[in-house]
Amino acid sequence: MNSTTTTTTSSRNPYFQLVEERIMAKQVATVFDASKVHERWPFVKGEMAPAQLYSTTSGRLFHSGKIAIITVGLPARGKTHLSVALTRYLRWLGVITHTFHLGDYRRAHCAPGQDVPEDYFFVNASPSSVLLRQKILRQCRTDIYEFFDQHNGQVAIYDAVNPTAAGRRLLAKEFLKNDIHPIFIESTCDDMKIIEENVRNVKISSPDYAGWEPEDAVQDYLRRITVKIPHFETMEETELDYIKMINAGERIIVNNCRFGYLPNRIVFYLMNLHIKARRTYFARSGIADHDSYKADSPLSEQGLDYARRLADTITKFRVEELRAHVAAGGSKEDRPLVVWTSTRIRTVQTADQLAAKGMKVRQRQQLSQLNPGAVEGLSEDQIRELYPEELEKHNHDPYHHRYPRSESYHDLAVRLEPIILELEREHNDLLIIAHESVLRVLYAYLMACSTADIPTMKFGREEIVEIVPASYNNIARRIPIPPGIHQEVPNTPFGFPPVFTGI
């Protein structure tokens, strides 16, 4: 096992080559607008995942073998959302995971501009449609086995309806025969409000409805649900390992607790997950009087001005978004906006204007910025003079390296895991006001970014970043903040404030 704190790997390692090339080119990583969660494995060879604690020769972690997670449930119950969220979380931990959406295979078998036969989704389909379904299923299963056997895959998530008990038993038997532990996750819902919201806000964003009018897409999807209801059998197979999520996580039933560490982590994550749509916003804290991590100074005049502009911008934006949502046929109900800050004075004061507008503000100790340690306030030249060997190690691997008495980005990612779980649990829209180092890590989690990207992502005070959830992908949008009192901030060669400051 290799510790994440060592940097003895050869510079010929593709990951370190990528990092060194980026540093030599003084390159700032792109803040990706679309999540990379659907890439087969988004990390380059030799790279560890952001919160990965160790590595193994086999690539499999937590003393767990191969696991197949099989989703069960009628359409619009959150199966795809659950699959994508679980993939994102397990990859964050370093578990080689991929979701196999049966719908993607169905679309791949159709010529451009065409769709499957009308009766494809019906139980009593024509013989030709049944043959097509079987062909698509075989291709999906083949790719799952290839993922395990040729790519060191550990968790494959098979995202499909899987409506019958007989079919699920056959699946379990097949996977067990290939030394793969099957775990079924059923998402069931009898709350029509949740179902309709899921269809309108999430499901019609799937590739099936590209180019459709929203209302037509909603009606077509509801029709798909209706034809499946009489033939669906909820999970009651006592001999199988399954987790049943009821009404978007209101209740969870676990059958057969023959689980090891990794499956129990999965259960714990699902206990914090829900399928209700909500937005997440990221904003920098305002500029403090003194650029010092230790001093924890209050906001400067420029910082207070920024806090006012931030509050006005997010308030106006949300009013306009609600108006557009209602005009498009959506609900008139406005989700509350909750604000999270660290306990540091500058972030708390940045949120004061929002608290004055009636928004709930919560302080989270874990949201404190990366601790710069001995290099706080030092320029790159000063670090090179005082800590030449440490600077070389940092340039070699800026994500895992820590300067004397400081934190690394990896330390920060591990520290933020309770925040990540609470973020998944939050039902309201959420604005996180924090230091740039914290925003980089949380953004990387939601958008499935790699460790090579995180240390050089840029989040400026001229905009708010909004994460818009969808079942297939999280999308990032930028909300510009009008300019205010000018403030000169010293830049490093990378073009953004040094990470080892309190700015």
Protein backbone atom coordinates (compact mmCIF):
# COMPACT_ATOMS: atom_id res chain seq x y z
CA MET A 1 0.00 0.00 0.00
CA ASN A 2 1.26 3.45 -0.86
CA SER A 3 0.67 6.38 1.45
CA THR A 4 -0.76 9.52 -0.12
CA THR A 5 1.80 11.63 1.74
CA THR A 6 4.82 10.29 -0.16
CA THR A 7 6.08 11.64 -3.48
CA THR A 8 8.59 8.98 -4.47
CA THR A 9 6.82 8.02 -7.68
CA SER A 10 8.84 8.65 -10.82
CA SER A 11 8.22 11.90 -12.65
CA ARG A 12 7.48 9.73 -15.69
CA ASN A 13 4.19 8.86 -14.01
CA PRO A 14 1.46 10.36 -16.28
CA TYR A 15 -0.20 12.15 -13.34
CA PHE A 16 2.99 13.92 -12.25
CA GLN A 17 3.82 14.75 -15.87
CA LEU A 18 0.42 16.45 -16.21
CA VAL A 19 0.94 18.44 -13.00
CA GLU A 20 4.49 19.50 -13.90
CA GLU A 21 3.48 20.55 -17.42
CA ARG A 22 0.66 22.67 -15.97
CA ILE A 23 3.03 24.34 -13.50
CA MET A 24 5.69 25.00 -16.15
CA ALA A 25 3.05 26.57 -18.40
CA LYS A 26 1.65 28.59 -15.45
CA GLN A 27 -1.73 27.15 -16.39
CA VAL A 28 -4.93 27.69 -14.43
CA ALA A 29 -7.26 24.69 -14.46
CA THR A 30 -10.60 25.09 -16.15
CA VAL A 31 -13.59 25.36 -13.85
CA PHE A 32 -15.57 22.75 -15.79
CA ASP A 33 -19.11 23.66 -16.81
CA ALA A 34 -20.28 20.04 -16.96
CA SER A 35 -19.56 17.18 -14.59
CA LYS A 36 -17.06 14.53 -15.72
CA VAL A 37 -18.87 11.77 -13.82
CA HIS A 38 -19.80 9.88 -17.00
CA GLU A 39 -16.22 9.39 -18.13
CA ARG A 40 -15.22 5.72 -17.79
CA TRP A 41 -12.45 6.68 -15.33
CA PRO A 42 -11.67 10.43 -15.22
CA PHE A 43 -8.24 10.17 -13.57
CA VAL A 44 -4.98 9.68 -15.46
CA LYS A 45 -2.80 6.67 -14.73
CA GLY A 46 -0.97 6.99 -11.40
CA GLU A 47 -3.37 9.59 -10.01
CA MET A 48 -5.21 9.04 -6.76
CA ALA A 49 -8.74 10.27 -6.19
CA PRO A 50 -9.27 13.45 -4.12
CA ALA A 51 -10.22 11.71 -0.83
CA GLN A 52 -8.42 8.41 -1.44
CA LEU A 53 -6.48 7.27 1.64
CA TYR A 54 -4.31 4.55 0.12
CA SER A 55 -3.75 2.53 -3.05
CA THR A 56 -3.40 -1.17 -3.82
CA THR A 57 -1.83 -3.19 -6.62
CA SER A 58 -5.23 -4.51 -7.69
CA GLY A 59 -6.83 -1.06 -7.57
CA ARG A 60 -9.55 -2.35 -5.24
CA LEU A 61 -10.00 -0.78 -1.81
CA PHE A 62 -11.43 -1.49 1.65
CA HIS A 63 -10.83 -5.27 1.39
CA SER A 64 -13.90 -5.52 -0.80
CA GLY A 65 -14.15 -7.55 -3.96
CA LYS A 66 -16.23 -6.81 -7.04
CA ILE A 67 -19.68 -5.36 -6.36
CA ALA A 68 -22.62 -4.94 -8.74
CA ILE A 69 -25.21 -2.41 -7.60
CA ILE A 70 -28.49 -3.04 -9.42
CA THR A 71 -31.15 -0.34 -9.33
CA VAL A 72 -34.84 -1.23 -9.11
CA GLY A 73 -37.83 1.04 -9.51
CA LEU A 74 -40.37 2.63 -11.80
CA PRO A 75 -39.29 5.61 -13.93
CA ALA A 76 -38.98 9.02 -12.22
CA ARG A 77 -38.19 7.50 -8.83
CA GLY A 78 -34.62 8.77 -8.77
CA LYS A 79 -32.69 5.69 -9.92
CA THR A 80 -30.43 7.56 -12.32
CA HIS A 81 -29.89 10.41 -9.86
CA LEU A 82 -28.97 7.87 -7.21
CA SER A 83 -26.62 6.01 -9.59
CA VAL A 84 -24.78 9.15 -10.67
CA ALA A 85 -24.50 10.52 -7.11
CA LEU A 86 -23.17 7.21 -5.81
CA THR A 87 -20.65 7.02 -8.66
CA ARG A 88 -19.43 10.52 -7.84
CA TYR A 89 -19.05 9.73 -4.14
CA LEU A 90 -17.31 6.37 -4.56
CA ARG A 91 -14.89 7.81 -7.11
CA TRP A 92 -14.16 10.62 -4.67
CA LEU A 93 -13.06 7.93 -2.20
CA GLY A 94 -10.92 6.25 -4.88
CA VAL A 95 -13.21 3.30 -5.60
CA ILE A 96 -13.12 2.51 -9.33
CA THR A 97 -16.80 2.89 -10.15
CA HIS A 98 -18.85 3.29 -13.30
CA THR A 99 -22.57 3.52 -14.00
CA PHE A 100 -24.00 1.54 -16.89
CA HIS A 101 -27.26 3.25 -17.90
CA LEU A 102 -29.38 0.82 -19.89
CA GLY A 103 -31.02 3.83 -21.55
CA ASP A 104 -27.65 4.86 -23.02
CA TYR A 105 -27.34 1.45 -24.69
CA ARG A 106 -30.87 1.75 -26.04
CA ARG A 107 -30.09 5.12 -27.60
CA ALA A 108 -26.79 3.82 -29.02
CA HIS A 109 -28.67 1.09 -30.94
CA CYS A 110 -30.83 3.63 -32.73
CA ALA A 111 -29.80 5.45 -35.88
CA PRO A 112 -29.47 9.27 -35.56
CA GLY A 113 -32.90 10.87 -35.43
CA GLN A 114 -34.66 7.55 -34.78
CA ASP A 115 -36.05 5.93 -31.64
CA VAL A 116 -36.88 2.40 -30.53
CA PRO A 117 -40.22 0.88 -31.62
CA GLU A 118 -43.30 2.28 -29.92
CA ASP A 119 -43.92 -0.95 -27.96
CA TYR A 120 -40.31 -1.28 -26.72
CA PHE A 121 -41.28 -0.14 -23.21
CA PHE A 122 -44.36 -2.41 -23.01
CA VAL A 123 -44.26 -5.77 -21.22
CA ASN A 124 -46.24 -7.44 -24.04
CA ALA A 125 -43.92 -6.09 -26.74
CA SER A 126 -43.68 -7.55 -30.25
CA PRO A 127 -41.11 -10.31 -30.94
CA SER A 128 -38.84 -7.87 -32.77
CA SER A 129 -38.88 -5.45 -29.81
CA VAL A 130 -38.16 -8.31 -27.39
CA LEU A 131 -35.15 -9.36 -29.50
CA LEU A 132 -33.93 -5.74 -29.53
CA ARG A 133 -34.23 -5.55 -25.73
CA GLN A 134 -32.25 -8.77 -25.33
CA LYS A 135 -29.53 -7.52 -27.67
CA ILE A 136 -29.21 -4.26 -25.73
CA LEU A 137 -29.09 -6.14 -22.41
CA ARG A 138 -26.32 -8.44 -23.66
CA GLN A 139 -24.18 -5.50 -24.75
CA CYS A 140 -24.61 -3.79 -21.38
CA ARG A 141 -23.70 -6.96 -19.46
CA THR A 142 -20.67 -7.53 -21.69
CA ASP A 143 -19.38 -4.04 -20.87
CA ILE A 144 -19.92 -4.63 -17.14
CA TYR A 145 -17.78 -7.77 -17.20
CA GLU A 146 -15.13 -6.00 -19.28
CA PHE A 147 -15.08 -3.19 -16.70
CA PHE A 148 -14.36 -5.69 -13.92
CA ASP A 149 -11.93 -7.92 -15.81
CA GLN A 150 -9.93 -5.46 -17.92
CA HIS A 151 -10.15 -2.14 -16.04
CA ASN A 152 -9.82 -3.31 -12.40
CA GLY A 153 -13.34 -2.08 -11.76
CA GLN A 154 -14.64 -2.49 -8.23
CA VAL A 155 -18.23 -1.21 -8.32
CA ALA A 156 -20.46 -1.40 -11.41
CA ILE A 157 -23.85 0.28 -11.12
CA TYR A 158 -26.46 -1.23 -13.44
CA ASP A 159 -29.10 1.47 -13.89
CA ALA A 160 -32.36 -0.03 -15.15
CA VAL A 161 -35.96 -0.66 -14.04
CA ASN A 162 -35.47 -4.41 -13.27
CA PRO A 163 -39.20 -4.77 -12.54
CA THR A 164 -39.72 -8.47 -11.78
CA ALA A 165 -38.60 -10.69 -8.93
CA ALA A 166 -37.76 -13.52 -11.35
CA GLY A 167 -35.51 -11.26 -13.40
CA ARG A 168 -33.73 -9.98 -10.30
CA ARG A 169 -33.07 -13.51 -9.05
CA LEU A 170 -31.54 -14.43 -12.42
CA LEU A 171 -29.34 -11.33 -12.27
CA ALA A 172 -28.14 -12.16 -8.77
CA LYS A 173 -27.38 -15.76 -9.79
CA GLU A 174 -25.41 -14.61 -12.84
CA PHE A 175 -23.29 -12.10 -10.91
CA LEU A 176 -22.58 -14.53 -8.06
CA LYS A 177 -21.44 -17.13 -10.60
CA ASN A 178 -18.83 -14.58 -11.73
CA ASP A 179 -17.68 -13.82 -8.16
CA ILE A 180 -19.47 -10.46 -8.09
CA HIS A 181 -21.50 -9.46 -5.01
CA PRO A 182 -24.94 -8.16 -6.13
CA ILE A 183 -26.64 -5.46 -4.06
CA PHE A 184 -30.06 -4.21 -5.19
CA ILE A 185 -31.19 -0.65 -4.48
CA GLU A 186 -34.90 0.02 -4.97
CA SER A 187 -36.13 3.58 -5.13
CA THR A 188 -39.86 3.70 -4.48
CA CYS A 189 -42.13 6.71 -4.17
CA ASP A 190 -45.87 7.19 -3.65
CA ASP A 191 -45.69 10.99 -3.26
CA MET A 192 -46.97 12.34 -6.60
CA LYS A 193 -45.56 15.78 -5.85
CA ILE A 194 -42.03 14.34 -5.71
CA ILE A 195 -42.62 12.28 -8.87
CA GLU A 196 -43.98 15.21 -10.89
CA GLU A 197 -41.18 17.49 -9.71
CA ASN A 198 -38.63 14.85 -10.66
CA VAL A 199 -40.14 14.45 -14.14
CA ARG A 200 -40.41 18.18 -14.79
CA ASN A 201 -37.09 19.31 -13.32
CA VAL A 202 -34.84 16.32 -13.94
CA LYS A 203 -36.02 13.52 -16.22
CA ILE A 204 -36.86 15.64 -19.26
CA SER A 205 -33.21 16.76 -19.24
CA SER A 206 -32.19 13.24 -20.29
CA PRO A 207 -30.91 12.63 -23.85
CA ASP A 208 -34.27 11.00 -24.71
CA TYR A 209 -35.91 14.42 -24.80
CA ALA A 210 -33.28 16.57 -26.47
CA GLY A 211 -35.15 19.11 -28.62
CA TRP A 212 -38.59 18.34 -27.15
CA GLU A 213 -41.00 20.93 -25.82
CA PRO A 214 -40.96 20.58 -22.00
CA GLU A 215 -44.69 19.86 -21.64
CA ASP A 216 -44.62 17.25 -24.42
CA ALA A 217 -41.63 15.58 -22.77
CA VAL A 218 -43.42 15.48 -19.40
CA GLN A 219 -46.53 13.86 -20.88
CA ASP A 220 -44.51 11.27 -22.80
CA TYR A 221 -42.52 10.31 -19.73
CA LEU A 222 -45.63 10.01 -17.57
CA ARG A 223 -47.08 7.69 -20.23
CA ARG A 224 -43.98 5.48 -19.95
CA ILE A 225 -44.55 5.23 -16.21
CA THR A 226 -48.23 4.34 -16.59
CA VAL A 227 -47.61 1.32 -18.84
CA LYS A 228 -45.08 -0.15 -16.38
CA ILE A 229 -47.05 0.18 -13.13
CA PRO A 230 -49.27 -2.95 -13.51
CA HIS A 231 -46.26 -5.19 -14.13
CA PHE A 232 -43.84 -3.86 -11.50
CA GLU A 233 -43.03 -6.03 -8.46
CA THR A 234 -41.51 -4.32 -5.44
CA MET A 235 -38.56 -6.06 -3.79
CA GLU A 236 -39.56 -8.75 -1.30
CA GLU A 237 -36.95 -11.41 -2.13
CA THR A 238 -35.71 -12.17 1.38
CA GLU A 239 -32.69 -14.15 0.14
CA LEU A 240 -31.24 -11.15 -1.75
CA ASP A 241 -29.21 -8.24 -0.36
CA TYR A 242 -31.16 -5.07 -0.99
CA ILE A 243 -31.68 -1.51 0.17
CA LYS A 244 -35.10 0.07 -0.29
CA MET A 245 -35.35 3.88 -0.34
CA ILE A 246 -38.87 5.17 0.22
CA ASN A 247 -40.08 8.66 -0.80
CA ALA A 248 -36.68 10.16 -1.61
CA GLY A 249 -34.99 8.90 1.54
CA GLU A 250 -37.76 9.45 4.11
CA ARG A 251 -37.36 5.78 5.08
CA ILE A 252 -34.69 3.20 4.29
CA ILE A 253 -35.03 -0.58 4.64
CA VAL A 254 -31.93 -2.78 4.55
CA ASN A 255 -32.47 -6.51 3.96
CA ASN A 256 -29.69 -8.99 4.82
CA CYS A 257 -26.93 -7.04 6.54
CA ARG A 258 -24.17 -9.32 5.24
CA PHE A 259 -22.24 -6.25 4.25
CA GLY A 260 -18.57 -5.44 4.54
CA TYR A 261 -17.04 -2.01 5.09
CA LEU A 262 -17.58 -0.63 1.58
CA PRO A 263 -21.25 -1.68 1.26
CA ASN A 264 -21.88 -0.15 4.70
CA ARG A 265 -20.30 3.10 3.50
CA ILE A 266 -22.72 2.96 0.58
CA VAL A 267 -25.69 2.50 2.95
CA PHE A 268 -24.50 5.42 5.09
CA TYR A 269 -24.18 7.63 2.01
CA LEU A 270 -27.68 6.70 0.82
CA MET A 271 -29.03 7.69 4.24
CA ASN A 272 -27.88 11.24 3.44
CA LEU A 273 -29.13 11.31 -0.16
CA HIS A 274 -32.41 12.61 -1.59
CA ILE A 275 -33.70 13.22 -5.13
CA LYS A 276 -35.36 16.59 -4.64
CA ALA A 277 -33.98 19.28 -6.93
CA ARG A 278 -32.02 22.10 -5.32
CA ARG A 279 -29.32 24.55 -6.38
CA THR A 280 -25.88 25.03 -4.83
CA TYR A 281 -24.07 28.37 -5.09
CA PHE A 282 -20.40 29.12 -4.38
CA ALA A 283 -19.06 32.58 -3.50
CA ARG A 284 -15.78 33.88 -2.15
CA SER A 285 -15.66 35.64 1.19
CA GLY A 286 -14.93 39.37 1.17
CA ILE A 287 -11.45 40.90 1.52
CA ALA A 288 -10.29 41.38 5.11
CA ASP A 289 -8.48 44.36 6.65
CA HIS A 290 -5.29 42.34 7.06
CA ASP A 291 -4.19 39.49 4.85
CA SER A 292 -3.43 37.07 7.67
CA TYR A 293 -4.60 33.53 8.38
CA LYS A 294 -3.76 33.81 12.09
CA ALA A 295 -5.20 37.27 12.72
CA ASP A 296 -8.70 36.47 11.36
CA SER A 297 -9.39 40.14 10.63
CA PRO A 298 -12.81 41.67 9.91
CA LEU A 299 -13.82 42.82 6.43
CA SER A 300 -12.26 45.91 4.93
CA GLU A 301 -14.32 48.67 3.30
CA GLN A 302 -13.95 46.84 -0.01
CA GLY A 303 -15.00 43.59 1.65
CA LEU A 304 -18.16 45.14 3.10
CA ASP A 305 -19.00 46.60 -0.30
CA TYR A 306 -18.55 43.16 -1.88
CA ALA A 307 -20.84 41.59 0.76
CA ARG A 308 -23.60 44.07 -0.15
CA ARG A 309 -23.22 43.42 -3.87
CA LEU A 310 -23.17 39.66 -3.32
CA ALA A 311 -26.41 39.75 -1.29
CA ASP A 312 -28.16 41.99 -3.82
CA THR A 313 -27.01 39.87 -6.77
CA ILE A 314 -28.10 36.49 -5.41
CA THR A 315 -31.45 37.89 -4.20
CA LYS A 316 -32.27 39.51 -7.55
CA PHE A 317 -31.14 36.44 -9.49
CA ARG A 318 -33.37 34.08 -7.50
CA VAL A 319 -36.42 36.32 -7.95
CA GLU A 320 -35.86 36.33 -11.72
CA GLU A 321 -35.29 32.56 -11.79
CA LEU A 322 -38.54 31.90 -9.91
CA ARG A 323 -40.46 34.18 -12.27
CA ALA A 324 -39.06 32.31 -15.29
CA HIS A 325 -39.78 28.93 -13.66
CA VAL A 326 -43.43 29.85 -13.04
CA ALA A 327 -43.78 31.19 -16.60
CA ALA A 328 -42.57 27.80 -17.89
CA GLY A 329 -45.32 25.99 -15.97
CA GLY A 330 -43.36 25.17 -12.83
CA SER A 331 -44.37 25.47 -9.20
CA LYS A 332 -44.78 28.90 -7.60
CA GLU A 333 -43.23 27.58 -4.40
CA ASP A 334 -39.89 29.25 -3.69
CA ARG A 335 -37.30 27.04 -1.99
CA PRO A 336 -35.58 28.83 0.91
CA LEU A 337 -31.91 29.73 0.54
CA VAL A 338 -29.65 28.56 3.37
CA VAL A 339 -26.18 30.09 3.75
CA TRP A 340 -23.15 28.22 5.07
CA THR A 341 -19.96 29.94 6.15
CA SER A 342 -16.87 29.00 8.09
CA THR A 343 -16.42 30.35 11.61
CA ARG A 344 -13.84 32.90 10.45
CA ILE A 345 -14.84 36.55 10.82
CA ARG A 346 -14.51 37.49 7.15
CA THR A 347 -16.90 34.77 5.97
CA VAL A 348 -19.41 35.42 8.75
CA GLN A 349 -19.44 39.15 7.98
CA THR A 350 -19.81 38.45 4.25
CA ALA A 351 -23.07 36.64 5.07
CA ASP A 352 -24.42 39.37 7.40
CA GLN A 353 -26.24 41.14 4.55
CA LEU A 354 -27.99 37.89 3.64
CA ALA A 355 -28.97 37.28 7.26
CA ALA A 356 -30.47 40.78 7.30
CA LYS A 357 -32.66 39.74 4.35
CA GLY A 358 -34.08 36.89 6.44
CA MET A 359 -31.92 34.02 5.21
CA LYS A 360 -30.74 31.37 7.65
CA VAL A 361 -26.95 31.45 8.09
CA ARG A 362 -25.08 28.49 9.60
CA GLN A 363 -21.42 28.42 10.58
CA ARG A 364 -19.37 25.29 9.86
CA GLN A 365 -15.92 24.88 11.40
CA GLN A 366 -14.92 22.41 8.67
CA LEU A 367 -15.34 25.13 6.02
CA SER A 368 -12.24 26.97 7.28
CA GLN A 369 -9.60 27.52 4.62
CA LEU A 370 -6.54 25.39 4.04
CA ASN A 371 -4.00 26.05 6.81
CA PRO A 372 -0.88 27.59 5.16
CA GLY A 373 1.43 26.69 8.06
CA ALA A 374 4.98 28.04 7.91
CA VAL A 375 4.61 29.64 4.47
CA GLU A 376 1.72 31.97 5.32
CA GLY A 377 2.11 35.30 3.56
CA LEU A 378 5.33 34.31 1.79
CA SER A 379 5.86 35.02 -1.89
CA GLU A 380 7.01 32.30 -4.26
CA ASP A 381 10.55 33.74 -4.22
CA GLN A 382 10.62 33.75 -0.41
CA ILE A 383 9.41 30.14 -0.30
CA ARG A 384 12.11 29.20 -2.82
CA GLU A 385 14.76 30.81 -0.62
CA LEU A 386 13.56 29.41 2.73
CA TYR A 387 12.16 26.04 1.67
CA PRO A 388 13.69 25.09 -1.71
CA GLU A 389 13.16 21.34 -1.26
CA GLU A 390 9.58 21.81 -0.09
CA LEU A 391 8.82 24.02 -3.09
CA GLU A 392 10.15 21.35 -5.43
CA LYS A 393 7.94 18.72 -3.75
CA HIS A 394 4.97 21.08 -3.94
CA ASN A 395 5.48 21.70 -7.64
CA HIS A 396 5.75 17.94 -8.14
CA ASP A 397 2.40 17.23 -6.45
CA PRO A 398 0.57 20.36 -5.21
CA TYR A 399 -2.50 18.36 -4.19
CA HIS A 400 -0.89 15.97 -1.70
CA HIS A 401 2.14 17.97 -0.57
CA ARG A 402 2.00 19.93 2.66
CA TYR A 403 4.46 22.62 3.71
CA PRO A 404 5.75 22.54 7.33
CA ARG A 405 2.86 22.81 9.82
CA SER A 406 0.35 23.23 6.98
CA GLU A 407 -2.49 21.24 5.43
CA SER A 408 -2.52 19.71 1.97
CA TYR A 409 -5.53 19.76 -0.32
CA HIS A 410 -5.89 16.07 0.44
CA ASP A 411 -6.11 16.88 4.16
CA LEU A 412 -8.76 19.47 3.35
CA ALA A 413 -10.78 16.99 1.25
CA VAL A 414 -10.78 14.46 4.10
CA ARG A 415 -11.74 17.19 6.59
CA LEU A 416 -14.66 18.23 4.36
CA GLU A 417 -16.29 14.78 4.15
CA PRO A 418 -18.90 15.56 6.88
CA ILE A 419 -19.73 18.75 4.95
CA ILE A 420 -20.13 16.74 1.73
CA LEU A 421 -22.60 14.38 3.41
CA GLU A 422 -24.50 17.30 4.93
CA LEU A 423 -24.52 19.00 1.53
CA GLU A 424 -26.15 15.89 0.02
CA ARG A 425 -28.70 15.87 2.86
CA GLU A 426 -29.70 19.55 2.48
CA HIS A 427 -33.15 19.99 0.89
CA ASN A 428 -33.03 23.78 0.52
CA ASP A 429 -31.02 25.79 -1.98
CA LEU A 430 -27.57 26.39 -0.54
CA LEU A 431 -25.04 29.22 -0.78
CA ILE A 432 -21.55 28.40 0.50
CA ILE A 433 -19.34 31.40 1.30
CA ALA A 434 -15.77 30.31 1.86
CA HIS A 435 -12.11 30.70 0.97
CA GLU A 436 -11.06 29.74 -2.54
CA SER A 437 -9.26 26.60 -1.34
CA VAL A 438 -12.51 25.25 0.16
CA LEU A 439 -14.56 26.14 -2.93
CA ARG A 440 -12.08 24.29 -5.12
CA VAL A 441 -12.52 21.05 -3.20
CA LEU A 442 -16.32 21.21 -2.90
CA TYR A 443 -16.70 22.17 -6.56
CA ALA A 444 -14.42 19.28 -7.53
CA TYR A 445 -16.68 16.88 -5.63
CA LEU A 446 -19.90 18.06 -7.28
CA MET A 447 -18.34 18.22 -10.76
CA ALA A 448 -16.17 15.06 -10.50
CA CYS A 449 -12.88 16.89 -11.12
CA SER A 450 -9.44 15.37 -10.61
CA THR A 451 -6.63 16.14 -8.19
CA ALA A 452 -4.59 17.62 -11.04
CA ASP A 453 -7.30 20.28 -11.52
CA ILE A 454 -8.11 21.26 -7.94
CA PRO A 455 -5.06 23.32 -6.81
CA THR A 456 -5.26 25.75 -9.74
CA MET A 457 -9.00 26.31 -10.14
CA LYS A 458 -9.95 29.97 -10.05
CA PHE A 459 -12.96 31.41 -8.23
CA GLY A 460 -13.13 35.19 -8.47
CA ARG A 461 -15.14 37.76 -6.57
CA GLU A 462 -16.67 39.02 -9.79
CA GLU A 463 -19.12 36.10 -9.98
CA ILE A 464 -21.17 33.51 -8.12
CA VAL A 465 -20.91 29.94 -9.38
CA GLU A 466 -24.21 28.03 -9.48
CA ILE A 467 -24.38 24.22 -9.67
CA VAL A 468 -27.59 23.10 -11.38
CA PRO A 469 -28.41 19.43 -10.71
CA ALA A 470 -29.80 17.05 -13.30
CA SER A 471 -30.16 13.29 -13.33
CA TYR A 472 -27.39 12.79 -15.89
CA ASN A 473 -25.07 15.70 -15.17
CA ASN A 474 -24.46 18.63 -12.86
CA ILE A 475 -24.09 21.84 -14.84
CA ALA A 476 -22.24 24.98 -13.67
CA ARG A 477 -23.41 28.49 -14.48
CA ARG A 478 -21.87 31.83 -13.64
CA ILE A 479 -23.80 34.75 -12.16
CA PRO A 480 -21.87 38.02 -12.59
CA ILE A 481 -21.57 40.36 -9.61
CA PRO A 482 -21.55 44.06 -10.63
CA PRO A 483 -18.20 45.79 -9.99
CA GLY A 484 -17.74 47.85 -6.85
CA ILE A 485 -14.90 49.54 -5.00
CA HIS A 486 -11.65 48.61 -6.75
CA GLN A 487 -9.22 46.53 -4.74
CA GLU A 488 -5.74 45.57 -5.91
CA VAL A 489 -4.87 42.02 -4.93
CA PRO A 490 -1.31 40.79 -5.54
CA ASN A 491 -1.19 37.96 -8.05
CA THR A 492 1.11 34.98 -8.30
CA PRO A 493 2.45 33.84 -11.67
CA PHE A 494 -0.69 31.68 -11.94
CA GLY A 495 -2.83 34.82 -12.11
CA PHE A 496 -4.78 34.45 -8.86
CA PRO A 497 -4.19 35.28 -5.17
CA PRO A 498 -1.75 32.96 -3.40
CA VAL A 499 -3.41 30.02 -1.69
CA PHE A 500 -1.26 30.60 1.40
CA THR A 501 -2.95 33.83 2.44
CA GLY A 502 -6.13 34.84 4.15
CA ILE A 503 -7.43 36.75 1.14
